[in-house]
Amino acid sequence: MTRSAIYKSVFEVRNKLHDFGCEPSILRDVALAATAARNEATPLHPQNAPGLLSYLAGVANLRGAFLRLNGWEGYSVKGVEGVQNSQRGLIILFQNVDFACGVVEPRPICPKREGVTKLVDNGTLCLFEEMAGEDGLRENKEVWFFCVSNRSEEPQAELSRPSRIEDGAFGKLLERVYILTGSEDDPQPYGKEQDLVSDKDDFEVSVTKKA
């Protein structure tokens, strides 16, 4: 069985994220924003509130961060929400998981549905539309998941690329980029932390949808 490519040293992580045109601090701040939103849930909220609040903040802050970078735009197709970069051939989706940055590969808290399954499977471009079925041409982009776990005292986060979706969970992970492991070796915040998404942000969110 092919082993996952794991990037966890500061050099390895920065070098891999160069493919995305971003720094580790950007993803770290997204994870911390999602964790902060999760902690806003009270006993009066529905039981699914922590995960829902984390997901909403995760997607919003993921977009708030990446839409400032060259080539990135919002992605929204059949209920699948995230960001994409057509030039780099990349899609990133936010995902709450059980564990991250460990020996055991992360598993989504909520099973992934058909839309995500097809998106991950459709990594190969169909040359002719009649070969692509009802969904038309395939995306031909690598689909990555920004996985955030709050099972430990400190949040853990990694950027992972699964080979496929199996029974609502990730199949074998092809690549894993460790962002927050909860150790002292993690990159430290630069200056005072601030929310990535605020009322002062003034930019247009461009979200692509299939016709």
C-alpha atoms as a PDB file:
ATOM      1  CA  MET A   1       0.000   0.000   0.000  1.00  0.00           C
ATOM      2  CA  THR A   2       1.283   3.458  -0.941  1.00  0.00           C
ATOM      3  CA  ARG A   3       2.133   5.599   2.076  1.00  0.00           C
ATOM      4  CA  SER A   4       0.908   9.157   2.442  1.00  0.00           C
ATOM      5  CA  ALA A   5       3.358  11.956   1.739  1.00  0.00           C
ATOM      6  CA  ILE A   6       3.513  13.861   5.054  1.00  0.00           C
ATOM      7  CA  TYR A   7       4.898  17.385   5.354  1.00  0.00           C
ATOM      8  CA  LYS A   8       5.453  18.403   8.962  1.00  0.00           C
ATOM      9  CA  SER A   9       8.737  20.258   9.424  1.00  0.00           C
ATOM     10  CA  VAL A  10       8.655  24.046   9.074  1.00  0.00           C
ATOM     11  CA  PHE A  11      10.672  23.807   5.851  1.00  0.00           C
ATOM     12  CA  GLU A  12       8.526  21.028   4.362  1.00  0.00           C
ATOM     13  CA  VAL A  13       5.265  22.816   5.175  1.00  0.00           C
ATOM     14  CA  ARG A  14       6.358  26.175   3.785  1.00  0.00           C
ATOM     15  CA  ASN A  15       7.757  24.541   0.667  1.00  0.00           C
ATOM     16  CA  LYS A  16       4.544  22.587   0.008  1.00  0.00           C
ATOM     17  CA  LEU A  17       2.285  25.584   0.662  1.00  0.00           C
ATOM     18  CA  HIS A  18       4.239  27.466  -1.993  1.00  0.00           C
ATOM     19  CA  ASP A  19       2.119  25.408  -4.432  1.00  0.00           C
ATOM     20  CA  PHE A  20      -0.929  27.158  -2.955  1.00  0.00           C
ATOM     21  CA  GLY A  21       0.654  30.609  -2.892  1.00  0.00           C
ATOM     22  CA  CYS A  22       0.121  30.965   0.857  1.00  0.00           C
ATOM     23  CA  GLU A  23       1.944  30.912   4.180  1.00  0.00           C
ATOM     24  CA  PRO A  24       1.245  28.512   7.101  1.00  0.00           C
ATOM     25  CA  SER A  25       0.038  31.449   9.215  1.00  0.00           C
ATOM     26  CA  ILE A  26      -2.978  31.909   6.921  1.00  0.00           C
ATOM     27  CA  LEU A  27      -4.277  28.385   7.511  1.00  0.00           C
ATOM     28  CA  ARG A  28      -3.349  28.532  11.194  1.00  0.00           C
ATOM     29  CA  ASP A  29      -5.534  31.607  11.640  1.00  0.00           C
ATOM     30  CA  VAL A  30      -8.445  29.922   9.836  1.00  0.00           C
ATOM     31  CA  ALA A  31      -8.225  26.975  12.248  1.00  0.00           C
ATOM     32  CA  LEU A  32      -8.129  29.273  15.274  1.00  0.00           C
ATOM     33  CA  ALA A  33     -11.121  31.265  14.004  1.00  0.00           C
ATOM     34  CA  ALA A  34     -13.129  28.057  13.528  1.00  0.00           C
ATOM     35  CA  THR A  35     -12.192  26.912  17.024  1.00  0.00           C
ATOM     36  CA  ALA A  36     -13.209  30.258  18.524  1.00  0.00           C
ATOM     37  CA  ALA A  37     -16.591  30.019  16.803  1.00  0.00           C
ATOM     38  CA  ARG A  38     -17.070  26.475  18.129  1.00  0.00           C
ATOM     39  CA  ASN A  39     -16.471  27.728  21.653  1.00  0.00           C
ATOM     40  CA  GLU A  40     -19.291  30.263  21.300  1.00  0.00           C
ATOM     41  CA  ALA A  41     -21.856  27.467  21.514  1.00  0.00           C
ATOM     42  CA  THR A  42     -23.697  27.302  24.856  1.00  0.00           C
ATOM     43  CA  PRO A  43     -25.789  24.577  26.515  1.00  0.00           C
ATOM     44  CA  LEU A  44     -28.841  26.433  25.174  1.00  0.00           C
ATOM     45  CA  HIS A  45     -27.797  25.821  21.568  1.00  0.00           C
ATOM     46  CA  PRO A  46     -28.772  22.654  19.639  1.00  0.00           C
ATOM     47  CA  GLN A  47     -26.355  19.758  20.058  1.00  0.00           C
ATOM     48  CA  ASN A  48     -24.933  20.241  16.561  1.00  0.00           C
ATOM     49  CA  ALA A  49     -24.187  23.930  17.180  1.00  0.00           C
ATOM     50  CA  PRO A  50     -20.438  23.590  17.943  1.00  0.00           C
ATOM     51  CA  GLY A  51     -19.736  21.761  14.697  1.00  0.00           C
ATOM     52  CA  LEU A  52     -22.045  24.000  12.676  1.00  0.00           C
ATOM     53  CA  LEU A  53     -20.547  27.214  14.063  1.00  0.00           C
ATOM     54  CA  SER A  54     -17.055  25.876  13.422  1.00  0.00           C
ATOM     55  CA  TYR A  55     -17.937  24.957   9.827  1.00  0.00           C
ATOM     56  CA  LEU A  56     -19.557  28.312   9.057  1.00  0.00           C
ATOM     57  CA  ALA A  57     -16.593  30.238  10.476  1.00  0.00           C
ATOM     58  CA  GLY A  58     -14.151  27.869   8.812  1.00  0.00           C
ATOM     59  CA  VAL A  59     -15.594  28.401   5.322  1.00  0.00           C
ATOM     60  CA  ALA A  60     -15.985  32.159   5.816  1.00  0.00           C
ATOM     61  CA  ASN A  61     -12.445  32.640   7.083  1.00  0.00           C
ATOM     62  CA  LEU A  62     -11.012  30.292   4.460  1.00  0.00           C
ATOM     63  CA  ARG A  63     -12.592  32.499   1.806  1.00  0.00           C
ATOM     64  CA  GLY A  64     -11.688  35.690   3.625  1.00  0.00           C
ATOM     65  CA  ALA A  65      -8.037  34.642   3.603  1.00  0.00           C
ATOM     66  CA  PHE A  66      -7.662  33.081   0.160  1.00  0.00           C
ATOM     67  CA  LEU A  67      -9.714  35.600  -1.805  1.00  0.00           C
ATOM     68  CA  ARG A  68      -6.999  38.108  -0.952  1.00  0.00           C
ATOM     69  CA  LEU A  69      -4.453  35.909  -2.726  1.00  0.00           C
ATOM     70  CA  ASN A  70      -3.779  35.903  -6.444  1.00  0.00           C
ATOM     71  CA  GLY A  71      -5.955  33.567  -8.519  1.00  0.00           C
ATOM     72  CA  TRP A  72      -8.277  32.351  -5.760  1.00  0.00           C
ATOM     73  CA  GLU A  73     -12.078  32.646  -5.868  1.00  0.00           C
ATOM     74  CA  GLY A  74     -15.069  31.202  -4.083  1.00  0.00           C
ATOM     75  CA  TYR A  75     -16.290  27.719  -5.019  1.00  0.00           C
ATOM     76  CA  SER A  76     -19.949  26.719  -4.635  1.00  0.00           C
ATOM     77  CA  VAL A  77     -21.363  23.788  -6.597  1.00  0.00           C
ATOM     78  CA  LYS A  78     -24.336  21.657  -5.497  1.00  0.00           C
ATOM     79  CA  GLY A  79     -23.907  22.521  -1.822  1.00  0.00           C
ATOM     80  CA  VAL A  80     -20.136  22.057  -1.801  1.00  0.00           C
ATOM     81  CA  GLU A  81     -18.561  25.271  -0.479  1.00  0.00           C
ATOM     82  CA  GLY A  82     -14.937  26.346  -0.464  1.00  0.00           C
ATOM     83  CA  VAL A  83     -12.321  28.114  -2.577  1.00  0.00           C
ATOM     84  CA  GLN A  84     -10.630  27.274  -5.852  1.00  0.00           C
ATOM     85  CA  ASN A  85      -7.727  28.346  -8.017  1.00  0.00           C
ATOM     86  CA  SER A  86      -8.201  27.338 -11.640  1.00  0.00           C
ATOM     87  CA  GLN A  87      -4.683  28.357 -12.627  1.00  0.00           C
ATOM     88  CA  ARG A  88      -3.129  26.121  -9.998  1.00  0.00           C
ATOM     89  CA  GLY A  89      -5.773  23.396 -10.411  1.00  0.00           C
ATOM     90  CA  LEU A  90      -6.740  23.385  -6.727  1.00  0.00           C
ATOM     91  CA  ILE A  91      -9.911  23.290  -4.618  1.00  0.00           C
ATOM     92  CA  ILE A  92      -9.889  23.604  -0.799  1.00  0.00           C
ATOM     93  CA  LEU A  93     -12.848  22.667   1.409  1.00  0.00           C
ATOM     94  CA  PHE A  94     -13.153  23.117   5.184  1.00  0.00           C
ATOM     95  CA  GLN A  95     -13.737  19.977   7.258  1.00  0.00           C
ATOM     96  CA  ASN A  96     -14.237  19.246  10.961  1.00  0.00           C
ATOM     97  CA  VAL A  97     -12.545  15.926  11.787  1.00  0.00           C
ATOM     98  CA  ASP A  98     -12.057  13.620  14.757  1.00  0.00           C
ATOM     99  CA  PHE A  99      -8.256  13.815  14.903  1.00  0.00           C
ATOM    100  CA  ALA A 100      -5.528  15.529  12.885  1.00  0.00           C
ATOM    101  CA  CYS A 101      -1.740  15.375  12.578  1.00  0.00           C
ATOM    102  CA  GLY A 102      -1.547  11.899  14.085  1.00  0.00           C
ATOM    103  CA  VAL A 103      -0.774   8.313  13.167  1.00  0.00           C
ATOM    104  CA  VAL A 104      -4.464   7.703  12.501  1.00  0.00           C
ATOM    105  CA  GLU A 105      -5.674   9.586   9.443  1.00  0.00           C
ATOM    106  CA  PRO A 106      -8.422  12.174  10.030  1.00  0.00           C
ATOM    107  CA  ARG A 107     -12.046  11.175   9.581  1.00  0.00           C
ATOM    108  CA  PRO A 108     -14.870  13.661   8.871  1.00  0.00           C
ATOM    109  CA  ILE A 109     -17.220  14.235  11.806  1.00  0.00           C
ATOM    110  CA  CYS A 110     -20.183  14.181   9.411  1.00  0.00           C
ATOM    111  CA  PRO A 111     -20.241  11.743   6.462  1.00  0.00           C
ATOM    112  CA  LYS A 112     -19.486  13.315   3.102  1.00  0.00           C
ATOM    113  CA  ARG A 113     -22.332  13.317   0.608  1.00  0.00           C
ATOM    114  CA  GLU A 114     -22.606  12.584  -3.090  1.00  0.00           C
ATOM    115  CA  GLY A 115     -21.535  16.056  -4.237  1.00  0.00           C
ATOM    116  CA  VAL A 116     -18.171  15.849  -2.476  1.00  0.00           C
ATOM    117  CA  THR A 117     -17.705  12.219  -3.505  1.00  0.00           C
ATOM    118  CA  LYS A 118     -18.121  13.080  -7.173  1.00  0.00           C
ATOM    119  CA  LEU A 119     -15.903  16.137  -6.855  1.00  0.00           C
ATOM    120  CA  VAL A 120     -13.010  14.111  -5.443  1.00  0.00           C
ATOM    121  CA  ASP A 121     -13.535  11.334  -7.997  1.00  0.00           C
ATOM    122  CA  ASN A 122     -13.698  13.779 -10.901  1.00  0.00           C
ATOM    123  CA  GLY A 123     -10.020  14.592 -10.910  1.00  0.00           C
ATOM    124  CA  THR A 124      -9.558  13.647 -14.531  1.00  0.00           C
ATOM    125  CA  LEU A 125     -10.638  15.894 -17.379  1.00  0.00           C
ATOM    126  CA  CYS A 126     -13.066  14.358 -19.879  1.00  0.00           C
ATOM    127  CA  LEU A 127     -12.166  15.341 -23.427  1.00  0.00           C
ATOM    128  CA  PHE A 128     -15.715  15.049 -24.728  1.00  0.00           C
ATOM    129  CA  GLU A 129     -18.846  16.212 -22.927  1.00  0.00           C
ATOM    130  CA  GLU A 130     -20.800  13.070 -23.844  1.00  0.00           C
ATOM    131  CA  MET A 131     -18.223  11.068 -21.863  1.00  0.00           C
ATOM    132  CA  ALA A 132     -18.701  13.110 -18.717  1.00  0.00           C
ATOM    133  CA  GLY A 133     -22.323  12.286 -17.970  1.00  0.00           C
ATOM    134  CA  GLU A 134     -24.931  14.688 -16.626  1.00  0.00           C
ATOM    135  CA  ASP A 135     -22.394  16.776 -14.718  1.00  0.00           C
ATOM    136  CA  GLY A 136     -20.613  17.881 -17.894  1.00  0.00           C
ATOM    137  CA  LEU A 137     -16.844  18.297 -17.948  1.00  0.00           C
ATOM    138  CA  ARG A 138     -15.008  17.144 -14.885  1.00  0.00           C
ATOM    139  CA  GLU A 139     -13.262  19.611 -12.623  1.00  0.00           C
ATOM    140  CA  ASN A 140      -9.721  18.351 -13.289  1.00  0.00           C
ATOM    141  CA  LYS A 141      -8.539  19.896  -9.999  1.00  0.00           C
ATOM    142  CA  GLU A 142      -6.895  18.471  -6.893  1.00  0.00           C
ATOM    143  CA  VAL A 143      -9.404  18.534  -4.023  1.00  0.00           C
ATOM    144  CA  TRP A 144      -7.893  19.314  -0.629  1.00  0.00           C
ATOM    145  CA  PHE A 145      -9.608  19.400   2.775  1.00  0.00           C
ATOM    146  CA  PHE A 146      -8.517  21.747   5.540  1.00  0.00           C
ATOM    147  CA  CYS A 147      -9.137  19.445   8.493  1.00  0.00           C
ATOM    148  CA  VAL A 148      -9.583  20.910  11.975  1.00  0.00           C
ATOM    149  CA  SER A 149      -9.876  18.831  15.170  1.00  0.00           C
ATOM    150  CA  ASN A 150     -10.782  20.027  18.662  1.00  0.00           C
ATOM    151  CA  ARG A 151     -10.509  16.728  20.518  1.00  0.00           C
ATOM    152  CA  SER A 152      -7.274  17.772  22.260  1.00  0.00           C
ATOM    153  CA  GLU A 153      -6.648  20.730  24.571  1.00  0.00           C
ATOM    154  CA  GLU A 154      -5.127  22.621  21.649  1.00  0.00           C
ATOM    155  CA  PRO A 155      -6.694  22.653  18.157  1.00  0.00           C
ATOM    156  CA  GLN A 156      -4.998  20.511  15.546  1.00  0.00           C
ATOM    157  CA  ALA A 157      -5.184  21.117  11.817  1.00  0.00           C
ATOM    158  CA  GLU A 158      -3.819  19.687   8.598  1.00  0.00           C
ATOM    159  CA  LEU A 159      -4.349  20.187   4.870  1.00  0.00           C
ATOM    160  CA  SER A 160      -5.084  16.781   3.346  1.00  0.00           C
ATOM    161  CA  ARG A 161      -5.742  15.355  -0.118  1.00  0.00           C
ATOM    162  CA  PRO A 162      -7.694  12.079  -0.219  1.00  0.00           C
ATOM    163  CA  SER A 163      -7.531   9.694  -3.143  1.00  0.00           C
ATOM    164  CA  ARG A 164     -11.307   9.208  -2.978  1.00  0.00           C
ATOM    165  CA  ILE A 165     -14.331   9.247  -0.658  1.00  0.00           C
ATOM    166  CA  GLU A 166     -15.418   5.854   0.684  1.00  0.00           C
ATOM    167  CA  ASP A 167     -18.668   5.378   2.616  1.00  0.00           C
ATOM    168  CA  GLY A 168     -18.747   9.067   3.504  1.00  0.00           C
ATOM    169  CA  ALA A 169     -15.159   9.119   4.816  1.00  0.00           C
ATOM    170  CA  PHE A 170     -11.757   9.804   3.310  1.00  0.00           C
ATOM    171  CA  GLY A 171     -10.125   7.000   1.397  1.00  0.00           C
ATOM    172  CA  LYS A 172      -6.343   6.737   1.488  1.00  0.00           C
ATOM    173  CA  LEU A 173      -4.777  10.172   1.937  1.00  0.00           C
ATOM    174  CA  LEU A 174      -2.238  10.959  -0.754  1.00  0.00           C
ATOM    175  CA  GLU A 175      -0.733  14.006   0.982  1.00  0.00           C
ATOM    176  CA  ARG A 176      -0.914  15.561   4.458  1.00  0.00           C
ATOM    177  CA  VAL A 177       0.403  19.002   5.394  1.00  0.00           C
ATOM    178  CA  TYR A 178       0.586  19.559   9.168  1.00  0.00           C
ATOM    179  CA  ILE A 179      -0.450  23.099  10.169  1.00  0.00           C
ATOM    180  CA  LEU A 180      -1.245  22.866  13.903  1.00  0.00           C
ATOM    181  CA  THR A 181      -0.026  19.854  15.865  1.00  0.00           C
ATOM    182  CA  GLY A 182      -0.358  21.345  19.342  1.00  0.00           C
ATOM    183  CA  SER A 183       3.417  21.212  19.879  1.00  0.00           C
ATOM    184  CA  GLU A 184       5.911  23.988  20.514  1.00  0.00           C
ATOM    185  CA  ASP A 185       7.337  23.398  17.033  1.00  0.00           C
ATOM    186  CA  ASP A 186       4.258  24.913  15.375  1.00  0.00           C
ATOM    187  CA  PRO A 187       4.723  28.327  13.736  1.00  0.00           C
ATOM    188  CA  GLN A 188       3.953  31.063  16.262  1.00  0.00           C
ATOM    189  CA  PRO A 189       1.486  33.931  15.609  1.00  0.00           C
ATOM    190  CA  TYR A 190       2.930  37.086  14.129  1.00  0.00           C
ATOM    191  CA  GLY A 191       1.868  39.980  16.361  1.00  0.00           C
ATOM    192  CA  LYS A 192      -1.640  40.430  17.727  1.00  0.00           C
ATOM    193  CA  GLU A 193      -4.252  37.986  16.466  1.00  0.00           C
ATOM    194  CA  GLN A 194      -7.196  39.408  14.561  1.00  0.00           C
ATOM    195  CA  ASP A 195     -10.252  37.952  12.868  1.00  0.00           C
ATOM    196  CA  LEU A 196      -9.787  37.245   9.186  1.00  0.00           C
ATOM    197  CA  VAL A 197     -13.396  38.157   8.413  1.00  0.00           C
ATOM    198  CA  SER A 198     -14.842  41.381   9.816  1.00  0.00           C
ATOM    199  CA  ASP A 199     -17.362  44.094   8.988  1.00  0.00           C
ATOM    200  CA  LYS A 200     -14.475  46.239   7.753  1.00  0.00           C
ATOM    201  CA  ASP A 201     -13.557  43.836   4.959  1.00  0.00           C
ATOM    202  CA  ASP A 202     -14.465  45.357   1.621  1.00  0.00           C
ATOM    203  CA  PHE A 203     -14.052  42.895  -1.222  1.00  0.00           C
ATOM    204  CA  GLU A 204     -16.342  41.090  -3.604  1.00  0.00           C
ATOM    205  CA  VAL A 205     -16.782  37.366  -3.062  1.00  0.00           C
ATOM    206  CA  SER A 206     -16.804  35.729  -6.470  1.00  0.00           C
ATOM    207  CA  VAL A 207     -18.409  32.296  -6.294  1.00  0.00           C
ATOM    208  CA  THR A 208     -18.610  30.087  -9.369  1.00  0.00           C
ATOM    209  CA  LYS A 209     -21.558  27.813 -10.006  1.00  0.00           C
ATOM    210  CA  LYS A 210     -22.298  25.327 -12.731  1.00  0.00           C
ATOM    211  CA  ALA A 211     -25.125  26.208 -15.064  1.00  0.00           C
END
